[in-house]
PDB file of N, CA and C in Angstrom:
ATOM      1  N   MET A   1       0.832  -1.151  -0.021  1.00  0.00           N
ATOM      2  CA  MET A   1       0.010   0.021   0.034  1.00  0.00           C
ATOM      3  C   MET A   1       0.884   1.230  -0.001  1.00  0.00           C
ATOM      4  N   ILE A   2       0.645   2.141  -0.931  1.00  0.00           N
ATOM      5  CA  ILE A   2       1.430   3.385  -1.037  1.00  0.00           C
ATOM      6  C   ILE A   2       0.596   4.488  -0.314  1.00  0.00           C
ATOM      7  N   ILE A   3       1.297   5.216   0.539  1.00  0.00           N
ATOM      8  CA  ILE A   3       0.662   6.259   1.263  1.00  0.00           C
ATOM      9  C   ILE A   3       1.346   7.559   0.861  1.00  0.00           C
ATOM     10  N   SER A   4       0.542   8.578   0.608  1.00  0.00           N
ATOM     11  CA  SER A   4       1.076   9.799   0.087  1.00  0.00           C
ATOM     12  C   SER A   4       1.841  10.520   1.187  1.00  0.00           C
ATOM     13  N   SER A   5       2.759  11.395   0.705  1.00  0.00           N
ATOM     14  CA  SER A   5       3.581  12.176   1.611  1.00  0.00           C
ATOM     15  C   SER A   5       2.764  13.137   2.466  1.00  0.00           C
ATOM     16  N   ARG A   6       1.695  13.653   1.853  1.00  0.00           N
ATOM     17  CA  ARG A   6       0.777  14.552   2.591  1.00  0.00           C
ATOM     18  C   ARG A   6       0.085  13.810   3.764  1.00  0.00           C
ATOM     19  N   THR A   7      -0.357  12.596   3.491  1.00  0.00           N
ATOM     20  CA  THR A   7      -1.003  11.778   4.574  1.00  0.00           C
ATOM     21  C   THR A   7      -0.014  11.543   5.674  1.00  0.00           C
ATOM     22  N   LEU A   8       1.200  11.167   5.348  1.00  0.00           N
ATOM     23  CA  LEU A   8       2.201  10.904   6.370  1.00  0.00           C
ATOM     24  C   LEU A   8       2.529  12.160   7.159  1.00  0.00           C
ATOM     25  N   ASP A   9       2.574  13.322   6.525  1.00  0.00           N
ATOM     26  CA  ASP A   9       2.790  14.567   7.209  1.00  0.00           C
ATOM     27  C   ASP A   9       1.603  14.807   8.192  1.00  0.00           C
ATOM     28  N   LEU A  10       0.402  14.629   7.771  1.00  0.00           N
ATOM     29  CA  LEU A  10      -0.735  14.853   8.642  1.00  0.00           C
ATOM     30  C   LEU A  10      -0.773  13.925   9.807  1.00  0.00           C
ATOM     31  N   VAL A  11      -0.421  12.655   9.580  1.00  0.00           N
ATOM     32  CA  VAL A  11      -0.404  11.666  10.635  1.00  0.00           C
ATOM     33  C   VAL A  11       0.710  12.056  11.644  1.00  0.00           C
ATOM     34  N   TRP A  12       1.859  12.482  11.145  1.00  0.00           N
ATOM     35  CA  TRP A  12       2.972  12.875  11.982  1.00  0.00           C
ATOM     36  C   TRP A  12       2.540  14.100  12.849  1.00  0.00           C
ATOM     37  N   ILE A  13       1.847  15.069  12.324  1.00  0.00           N
ATOM     38  CA  ILE A  13       1.409  16.198  13.088  1.00  0.00           C
ATOM     39  C   ILE A  13       0.393  15.757  14.129  1.00  0.00           C
ATOM     40  N   LEU A  14      -0.524  14.860  13.776  1.00  0.00           N
ATOM     41  CA  LEU A  14      -1.452  14.325  14.728  1.00  0.00           C
ATOM     42  C   LEU A  14      -0.739  13.622  15.904  1.00  0.00           C
ATOM     43  N   LEU A  15       0.290  12.810  15.527  1.00  0.00           N
ATOM     44  CA  LEU A  15       1.070  12.160  16.593  1.00  0.00           C
ATOM     45  C   LEU A  15       1.724  13.137  17.525  1.00  0.00           C
ATOM     46  N   ILE A  16       2.256  14.178  16.991  1.00  0.00           N
ATOM     47  CA  ILE A  16       2.884  15.209  17.801  1.00  0.00           C
ATOM     48  C   ILE A  16       1.826  15.875  18.747  1.00  0.00           C
ATOM     49  N   ALA A  17       0.655  16.204  18.164  1.00  0.00           N
ATOM     50  CA  ALA A  17      -0.442  16.806  18.945  1.00  0.00           C
ATOM     51  C   ALA A  17      -0.898  15.880  20.069  1.00  0.00           C
ATOM     52  N   LEU A  18      -1.036  14.588  19.798  1.00  0.00           N
ATOM     53  CA  LEU A  18      -1.466  13.666  20.782  1.00  0.00           C
ATOM     54  C   LEU A  18      -0.347  13.514  21.881  1.00  0.00           C
ATOM     55  N   THR A  19       0.886  13.538  21.485  1.00  0.00           N
ATOM     56  CA  THR A  19       1.935  13.466  22.468  1.00  0.00           C
ATOM     57  C   THR A  19       1.950  14.673  23.359  1.00  0.00           C
ATOM     58  N   LEU A  20       1.810  15.863  22.793  1.00  0.00           N
ATOM     59  CA  LEU A  20       1.760  17.073  23.631  1.00  0.00           C
ATOM     60  C   LEU A  20       0.512  17.074  24.520  1.00  0.00           C
ATOM     61  N   GLY A  21      -0.628  16.577  24.000  1.00  0.00           N
ATOM     62  CA  GLY A  21      -1.826  16.447  24.861  1.00  0.00           C
ATOM     63  C   GLY A  21      -1.577  15.484  25.992  1.00  0.00           C
ATOM     64  N   GLY A  22      -0.910  14.404  25.735  1.00  0.00           N
ATOM     65  CA  GLY A  22      -0.597  13.455  26.813  1.00  0.00           C
ATOM     66  C   GLY A  22       0.313  14.103  27.870  1.00  0.00           C
ATOM     67  N   VAL A  23       1.274  14.862  27.446  1.00  0.00           N
ATOM     68  CA  VAL A  23       2.162  15.577  28.363  1.00  0.00           C
ATOM     69  C   VAL A  23       1.385  16.533  29.207  1.00  0.00           C
ATOM     70  N   ALA A  24       0.443  17.284  28.597  1.00  0.00           N
ATOM     71  CA  ALA A  24      -0.349  18.227  29.335  1.00  0.00           C
ATOM     72  C   ALA A  24      -1.241  17.495  30.375  1.00  0.00           C
ATOM     73  N   ILE A  25      -1.771  16.357  29.967  1.00  0.00           N
ATOM     74  CA  ILE A  25      -2.578  15.564  30.926  1.00  0.00           C
ATOM     75  C   ILE A  25      -1.704  15.068  32.075  1.00  0.00           C
ATOM     76  N   GLY A  26      -0.557  14.602  31.737  1.00  0.00           N
ATOM     77  CA  GLY A  26       0.369  14.070  32.796  1.00  0.00           C
ATOM     78  C   GLY A  26       0.836  15.152  33.740  1.00  0.00           C
ATOM     79  N   GLU A  27       1.015  16.341  33.241  1.00  0.00           N
ATOM     80  CA  GLU A  27       1.520  17.422  34.090  1.00  0.00           C
ATOM     81  C   GLU A  27       0.413  18.034  34.952  1.00  0.00           C
ATOM     82  N   GLY A  28      -0.845  18.088  34.407  1.00  0.00           N
ATOM     83  CA  GLY A  28      -1.846  18.854  35.147  1.00  0.00           C
ATOM     84  C   GLY A  28      -2.892  18.024  35.851  1.00  0.00           C
ATOM     85  N   ALA A  29      -3.008  16.729  35.583  1.00  0.00           N
ATOM     86  CA  ALA A  29      -4.054  15.965  36.164  1.00  0.00           C
ATOM     87  C   ALA A  29      -3.627  15.237  37.381  1.00  0.00           C
ATOM     88  N   GLU A  30      -4.623  14.951  38.254  1.00  0.00           N
ATOM     89  CA  GLU A  30      -4.333  14.091  39.431  1.00  0.00           C
ATOM     90  C   GLU A  30      -4.349  12.633  38.938  1.00  0.00           C
ATOM     91  N   PRO A  31      -3.482  11.805  39.406  1.00  0.00           N
ATOM     92  CA  PRO A  31      -3.474  10.397  39.004  1.00  0.00           C
ATOM     93  C   PRO A  31      -4.794   9.775  39.417  1.00  0.00           C
ATOM     94  N   GLY A  32      -5.366   8.950  38.528  1.00  0.00           N
ATOM     95  CA  GLY A  32      -6.584   8.259  38.787  1.00  0.00           C
ATOM     96  C   GLY A  32      -6.901   7.291  37.724  1.00  0.00           C
ATOM     97  N   PHE A  33      -7.960   6.526  37.938  1.00  0.00           N
ATOM     98  CA  PHE A  33      -8.325   5.480  36.938  1.00  0.00           C
ATOM     99  C   PHE A  33      -8.682   6.113  35.604  1.00  0.00           C
ATOM    100  N   TRP A  34      -9.523   7.110  35.565  1.00  0.00           N
ATOM    101  CA  TRP A  34      -9.956   7.693  34.297  1.00  0.00           C
ATOM    102  C   TRP A  34      -8.799   8.381  33.559  1.00  0.00           C
ATOM    103  N   ILE A  35      -7.880   8.958  34.257  1.00  0.00           N
ATOM    104  CA  ILE A  35      -6.704   9.530  33.578  1.00  0.00           C
ATOM    105  C   ILE A  35      -5.899   8.423  32.920  1.00  0.00           C
ATOM    106  N   THR A  36      -5.747   7.320  33.677  1.00  0.00           N
ATOM    107  CA  THR A  36      -5.031   6.153  33.113  1.00  0.00           C
ATOM    108  C   THR A  36      -5.737   5.636  31.862  1.00  0.00           C
ATOM    109  N   VAL A  37      -7.063   5.556  31.886  1.00  0.00           N
ATOM    110  CA  VAL A  37      -7.817   5.106  30.773  1.00  0.00           C
ATOM    111  C   VAL A  37      -7.646   6.066  29.575  1.00  0.00           C
ATOM    112  N   ILE A  38      -7.682   7.324  29.764  1.00  0.00           N
ATOM    113  CA  ILE A  38      -7.470   8.337  28.748  1.00  0.00           C
ATOM    114  C   ILE A  38      -6.079   8.190  28.136  1.00  0.00           C
ATOM    115  N   VAL A  39      -5.052   8.046  28.950  1.00  0.00           N
ATOM    116  CA  VAL A  39      -3.696   7.900  28.449  1.00  0.00           C
ATOM    117  C   VAL A  39      -3.576   6.572  27.690  1.00  0.00           C
ATOM    118  N   ALA A  40      -4.221   5.535  28.167  1.00  0.00           N
ATOM    119  CA  ALA A  40      -4.155   4.252  27.463  1.00  0.00           C
ATOM    120  C   ALA A  40      -4.857   4.326  26.099  1.00  0.00           C
ATOM    121  N   VAL A  41      -5.979   5.052  26.000  1.00  0.00           N
ATOM    122  CA  VAL A  41      -6.649   5.226  24.713  1.00  0.00           C
ATOM    123  C   VAL A  41      -5.784   6.005  23.766  1.00  0.00           C
ATOM    124  N   ILE A  42      -5.207   7.058  24.258  1.00  0.00           N
ATOM    125  CA  ILE A  42      -4.236   7.859  23.396  1.00  0.00           C
ATOM    126  C   ILE A  42      -3.089   6.976  22.917  1.00  0.00           C
ATOM    127  N   THR A  43      -2.554   6.188  23.848  1.00  0.00           N
ATOM    128  CA  THR A  43      -1.466   5.317  23.476  1.00  0.00           C
ATOM    129  C   THR A  43      -1.882   4.277  22.415  1.00  0.00           C
ATOM    130  N   THR A  44      -3.078   3.739  22.552  1.00  0.00           N
ATOM    131  CA  THR A  44      -3.617   2.787  21.577  1.00  0.00           C
ATOM    132  C   THR A  44      -3.751   3.440  20.213  1.00  0.00           C
ATOM    133  N   PHE A  45      -4.324   4.648  20.212  1.00  0.00           N
ATOM    134  CA  PHE A  45      -4.513   5.341  18.909  1.00  0.00           C
ATOM    135  C   PHE A  45      -3.185   5.664  18.274  1.00  0.00           C
ATOM    136  N   LYS A  46      -2.202   6.133  19.046  1.00  0.00           N
ATOM    137  CA  LYS A  46      -0.901   6.470  18.535  1.00  0.00           C
ATOM    138  C   LYS A  46      -0.183   5.206  18.003  1.00  0.00           C
ATOM    139  N   ALA A  47      -0.308   4.075  18.767  1.00  0.00           N
ATOM    140  CA  ALA A  47       0.342   2.856  18.348  1.00  0.00           C
ATOM    141  C   ALA A  47      -0.214   2.391  17.036  1.00  0.00           C
ATOM    142  N   ARG A  48      -1.526   2.472  16.887  1.00  0.00           N
ATOM    143  CA  ARG A  48      -2.172   2.023  15.662  1.00  0.00           C
ATOM    144  C   ARG A  48      -1.716   2.909  14.455  1.00  0.00           C
ATOM    145  N   MET A  49      -1.601   4.190  14.700  1.00  0.00           N
ATOM    146  CA  MET A  49      -1.171   5.047  13.562  1.00  0.00           C
ATOM    147  C   MET A  49       0.278   4.726  13.168  1.00  0.00           C
ATOM    148  N   VAL A  50       1.162   4.517  14.151  1.00  0.00           N
ATOM    149  CA  VAL A  50       2.524   4.224  13.862  1.00  0.00           C
ATOM    150  C   VAL A  50       2.628   2.854  13.140  1.00  0.00           C
ATOM    151  N   ILE A  51       1.850   1.879  13.617  1.00  0.00           N
ATOM    152  CA  ILE A  51       1.887   0.562  13.046  1.00  0.00           C
ATOM    153  C   ILE A  51       1.359   0.658  11.569  1.00  0.00           C
ATOM    154  N   ASP A  52       0.271   1.324  11.340  1.00  0.00           N
ATOM    155  CA  ASP A  52      -0.330   1.359  10.041  1.00  0.00           C
ATOM    156  C   ASP A  52       0.411   2.241   9.033  1.00  0.00           C
ATOM    157  N   TYR A  53       0.965   3.371   9.473  1.00  0.00           N
ATOM    158  CA  TYR A  53       1.502   4.358   8.530  1.00  0.00           C
ATOM    159  C   TYR A  53       3.007   4.335   8.476  1.00  0.00           C
ATOM    160  N   PHE A  54       3.738   3.922   9.550  1.00  0.00           N
ATOM    161  CA  PHE A  54       5.174   4.085   9.530  1.00  0.00           C
ATOM    162  C   PHE A  54       5.931   2.734   9.562  1.00  0.00           C
ATOM    163  N   MET A  55       5.313   1.677  10.127  1.00  0.00           N
ATOM    164  CA  MET A  55       6.003   0.410  10.174  1.00  0.00           C
ATOM    165  C   MET A  55       5.804  -0.417   8.965  1.00  0.00           C
ATOM    166  N   GLU A  56       4.888  -0.087   8.103  1.00  0.00           N
ATOM    167  CA  GLU A  56       4.663  -0.743   6.808  1.00  0.00           C
ATOM    168  C   GLU A  56       4.313  -2.228   6.978  1.00  0.00           C
ATOM    169  N   VAL A  57       3.532  -2.587   8.044  1.00  0.00           N
ATOM    170  CA  VAL A  57       3.102  -3.934   8.246  1.00  0.00           C
ATOM    171  C   VAL A  57       1.881  -4.320   7.418  1.00  0.00           C
ATOM    172  N   GLY A  58       1.317  -3.359   6.744  1.00  0.00           N
ATOM    173  CA  GLY A  58       0.105  -3.604   5.941  1.00  0.00           C
ATOM    174  C   GLY A  58       0.353  -4.582   4.823  1.00  0.00           C
ATOM    175  N   ASP A  59       1.546  -4.713   4.336  1.00  0.00           N
ATOM    176  CA  ASP A  59       1.821  -5.637   3.208  1.00  0.00           C
ATOM    177  C   ASP A  59       2.519  -6.874   3.695  1.00  0.00           C
ATOM    178  N   THR A  60       2.632  -7.094   4.990  1.00  0.00           N
ATOM    179  CA  THR A  60       3.310  -8.300   5.466  1.00  0.00           C
ATOM    180  C   THR A  60       2.334  -9.467   5.623  1.00  0.00           C
ATOM    181  N   HIS A  61       2.854 -10.596   5.971  1.00  0.00           N
ATOM    182  CA  HIS A  61       2.024 -11.817   6.230  1.00  0.00           C
ATOM    183  C   HIS A  61       0.976 -11.440   7.270  1.00  0.00           C
ATOM    184  N   PRO A  62      -0.273 -11.887   7.098  1.00  0.00           N
ATOM    185  CA  PRO A  62      -1.339 -11.564   8.024  1.00  0.00           C
ATOM    186  C   PRO A  62      -1.041 -11.934   9.451  1.00  0.00           C
ATOM    187  N   GLY A  63      -0.319 -13.032   9.684  1.00  0.00           N
ATOM    188  CA  GLY A  63       0.030 -13.406  11.029  1.00  0.00           C
ATOM    189  C   GLY A  63       0.907 -12.361  11.757  1.00  0.00           C
ATOM    190  N   ILE A  64       1.916 -11.868  10.999  1.00  0.00           N
ATOM    191  CA  ILE A  64       2.796 -10.848  11.567  1.00  0.00           C
ATOM    192  C   ILE A  64       2.007  -9.575  11.781  1.00  0.00           C
ATOM    193  N   ARG A  65       1.152  -9.213  10.850  1.00  0.00           N
ATOM    194  CA  ARG A  65       0.362  -7.983  10.993  1.00  0.00           C
ATOM    195  C   ARG A  65      -0.517  -8.094  12.232  1.00  0.00           C
ATOM    196  N   ARG A  66      -1.180  -9.222  12.464  1.00  0.00           N
ATOM    197  CA  ARG A  66      -1.992  -9.397  13.612  1.00  0.00           C
ATOM    198  C   ARG A  66      -1.247  -9.313  14.924  1.00  0.00           C
ATOM    199  N   LEU A  67      -0.093  -9.943  14.944  1.00  0.00           N
ATOM    200  CA  LEU A  67       0.740  -9.929  16.185  1.00  0.00           C
ATOM    201  C   LEU A  67       1.146  -8.509  16.535  1.00  0.00           C
ATOM    202  N   VAL A  68       1.562  -7.718  15.543  1.00  0.00           N
ATOM    203  CA  VAL A  68       1.999  -6.313  15.790  1.00  0.00           C
ATOM    204  C   VAL A  68       0.798  -5.496  16.265  1.00  0.00           C
ATOM    205  N   ARG A  69      -0.311  -5.687  15.670  1.00  0.00           N
ATOM    206  CA  ARG A  69      -1.537  -4.960  16.085  1.00  0.00           C
ATOM    207  C   ARG A  69      -1.989  -5.336  17.453  1.00  0.00           C
ATOM    208  N   ILE A  70      -1.889  -6.635  17.794  1.00  0.00           N
ATOM    209  CA  ILE A  70      -2.215  -7.078  19.166  1.00  0.00           C
ATOM    210  C   ILE A  70      -1.304  -6.435  20.141  1.00  0.00           C
ATOM    211  N   TYR A  71      -0.035  -6.375  19.825  1.00  0.00           N
ATOM    212  CA  TYR A  71       0.921  -5.670  20.713  1.00  0.00           C
ATOM    213  C   TYR A  71       0.493  -4.236  20.954  1.00  0.00           C
ATOM    214  N   GLY A  72       0.016  -3.547  19.884  1.00  0.00           N
ATOM    215  CA  GLY A  72      -0.391  -2.193  20.050  1.00  0.00           C
ATOM    216  C   GLY A  72      -1.618  -1.981  20.964  1.00  0.00           C
ATOM    217  N   PHE A  73      -2.405  -3.045  21.149  1.00  0.00           N
ATOM    218  CA  PHE A  73      -3.511  -3.038  22.134  1.00  0.00           C
ATOM    219  C   PHE A  73      -3.093  -3.561  23.470  1.00  0.00           C
ATOM    220  N   LEU A  74      -2.117  -4.483  23.466  1.00  0.00           N
ATOM    221  CA  LEU A  74      -1.727  -5.112  24.741  1.00  0.00           C
ATOM    222  C   LEU A  74      -1.083  -4.133  25.724  1.00  0.00           C
ATOM    223  N   VAL A  75      -0.178  -3.320  25.216  1.00  0.00           N
ATOM    224  CA  VAL A  75       0.531  -2.356  26.079  1.00  0.00           C
ATOM    225  C   VAL A  75      -0.413  -1.455  26.812  1.00  0.00           C
ATOM    226  N   PRO A  76      -1.366  -0.790  26.129  1.00  0.00           N
ATOM    227  CA  PRO A  76      -2.323   0.025  26.850  1.00  0.00           C
ATOM    228  C   PRO A  76      -3.199  -0.727  27.842  1.00  0.00           C
ATOM    229  N   LEU A  77      -3.545  -1.953  27.468  1.00  0.00           N
ATOM    230  CA  LEU A  77      -4.331  -2.830  28.412  1.00  0.00           C
ATOM    231  C   LEU A  77      -3.503  -3.081  29.686  1.00  0.00           C
ATOM    232  N   LEU A  78      -2.216  -3.359  29.500  1.00  0.00           N
ATOM    233  CA  LEU A  78      -1.355  -3.564  30.652  1.00  0.00           C
ATOM    234  C   LEU A  78      -1.170  -2.335  31.499  1.00  0.00           C
ATOM    235  N   MET A  79      -1.206  -1.134  30.868  1.00  0.00           N
ATOM    236  CA  MET A  79      -1.169   0.085  31.651  1.00  0.00           C
ATOM    237  C   MET A  79      -2.382   0.139  32.624  1.00  0.00           C
ATOM    238  N   ILE A  80      -3.549  -0.203  32.157  1.00  0.00           N
ATOM    239  CA  ILE A  80      -4.734  -0.198  32.990  1.00  0.00           C
ATOM    240  C   ILE A  80      -4.639  -1.268  34.071  1.00  0.00           C
ATOM    241  N   LEU A  81      -4.204  -2.472  33.716  1.00  0.00           N
ATOM    242  CA  LEU A  81      -4.127  -3.555  34.696  1.00  0.00           C
ATOM    243  C   LEU A  81      -3.110  -3.206  35.764  1.00  0.00           C
ATOM    244  N   ILE A  82      -2.003  -2.571  35.386  1.00  0.00           N
ATOM    245  CA  ILE A  82      -1.023  -2.229  36.394  1.00  0.00           C
ATOM    246  C   ILE A  82      -1.551  -1.147  37.342  1.00  0.00           C
ATOM    247  N   TYR A  83      -2.362  -0.197  36.788  1.00  0.00           N
ATOM    248  CA  TYR A  83      -2.981   0.784  37.663  1.00  0.00           C
ATOM    249  C   TYR A  83      -3.877   0.069  38.660  1.00  0.00           C
ATOM    250  N   LEU A  84      -4.691  -0.877  38.176  1.00  0.00           N
ATOM    251  CA  LEU A  84      -5.676  -1.514  39.047  1.00  0.00           C
ATOM    252  C   LEU A  84      -5.056  -2.504  40.021  1.00  0.00           C
ATOM    253  N   TYR A  85      -4.031  -3.269  39.529  1.00  0.00           N
ATOM    254  CA  TYR A  85      -3.467  -4.373  40.339  1.00  0.00           C
ATOM    255  C   TYR A  85      -1.941  -4.216  40.528  1.00  0.00           C
ATOM    256  N   GLY A  86      -1.459  -3.035  40.598  1.00  0.00           N
ATOM    257  CA  GLY A  86       0.019  -2.794  40.710  1.00  0.00           C
ATOM    258  C   GLY A  86       0.675  -3.512  41.854  1.00  0.00           C
ATOM    259  N   PRO A  87       0.174  -3.368  43.087  1.00  0.00           N
ATOM    260  CA  PRO A  87       0.858  -4.042  44.222  1.00  0.00           C
ATOM    261  C   PRO A  87       0.872  -5.591  44.037  1.00  0.00           C
ATOM    262  N   GLN A  88      -0.258  -6.136  43.576  1.00  0.00           N
ATOM    263  CA  GLN A  88      -0.311  -7.609  43.409  1.00  0.00           C
ATOM    264  C   GLN A  88       0.669  -8.061  42.305  1.00  0.00           C
ATOM    265  N   ILE A  89       0.759  -7.305  41.238  1.00  0.00           N
ATOM    266  CA  ILE A  89       1.662  -7.629  40.168  1.00  0.00           C
ATOM    267  C   ILE A  89       3.131  -7.507  40.661  1.00  0.00           C
ATOM    268  N   ALA A  90       3.408  -6.503  41.474  1.00  0.00           N
ATOM    269  CA  ALA A  90       4.758  -6.349  42.043  1.00  0.00           C
ATOM    270  C   ALA A  90       5.096  -7.555  42.970  1.00  0.00           C
ATOM    271  N   GLN A  91       4.153  -8.060  43.728  1.00  0.00           N
ATOM    272  CA  GLN A  91       4.389  -9.208  44.569  1.00  0.00           C
ATOM    273  C   GLN A  91       4.701 -10.421  43.718  1.00  0.00           C
ATOM    274  N   LEU A  92       3.917 -10.629  42.686  1.00  0.00           N
ATOM    275  CA  LEU A  92       4.083 -11.782  41.802  1.00  0.00           C
ATOM    276  C   LEU A  92       5.426 -11.776  41.088  1.00  0.00           C
ATOM    277  N   THR A  93       5.945 -10.633  40.779  1.00  0.00           N
ATOM    278  CA  THR A  93       7.147 -10.498  40.000  1.00  0.00           C
ATOM    279  C   THR A  93       8.403 -10.231  40.820  1.00  0.00           C
ATOM    280  N   SER A  94       8.278 -10.090  42.087  1.00  0.00           N
ATOM    281  CA  SER A  94       9.495  -9.797  42.902  1.00  0.00           C
ATOM    282  C   SER A  94      10.213 -11.095  43.207  1.00  0.00           C
ATOM    283  N   LEU A  95      11.531 -10.927  43.442  1.00  0.00           N
ATOM    284  CA  LEU A  95      12.351 -12.143  43.726  1.00  0.00           C
ATOM    285  C   LEU A  95      12.324 -12.524  45.157  1.00  0.00           C
TER     286      LEU A  95
END
């Protein structure tokens, strides 16, 4: 799949805007469940854009494409799970 330079520029600007928005949220908001969910949603959206527009996995084997996209959803899910169950996860993973 060939993506135009203009589309890539627009996606790049959107990624920068989302990153700056995430920084603003991180600097100004009190930590909480809904802030974590918002950051996870932003992370999911950014991961999907990077995967689809910059990693060029659209033309790869479907298995590889699915694994990379699952990874893009798994990391934000883990962010939420760590917020909810951080101390328990720390106990399970400590030596």
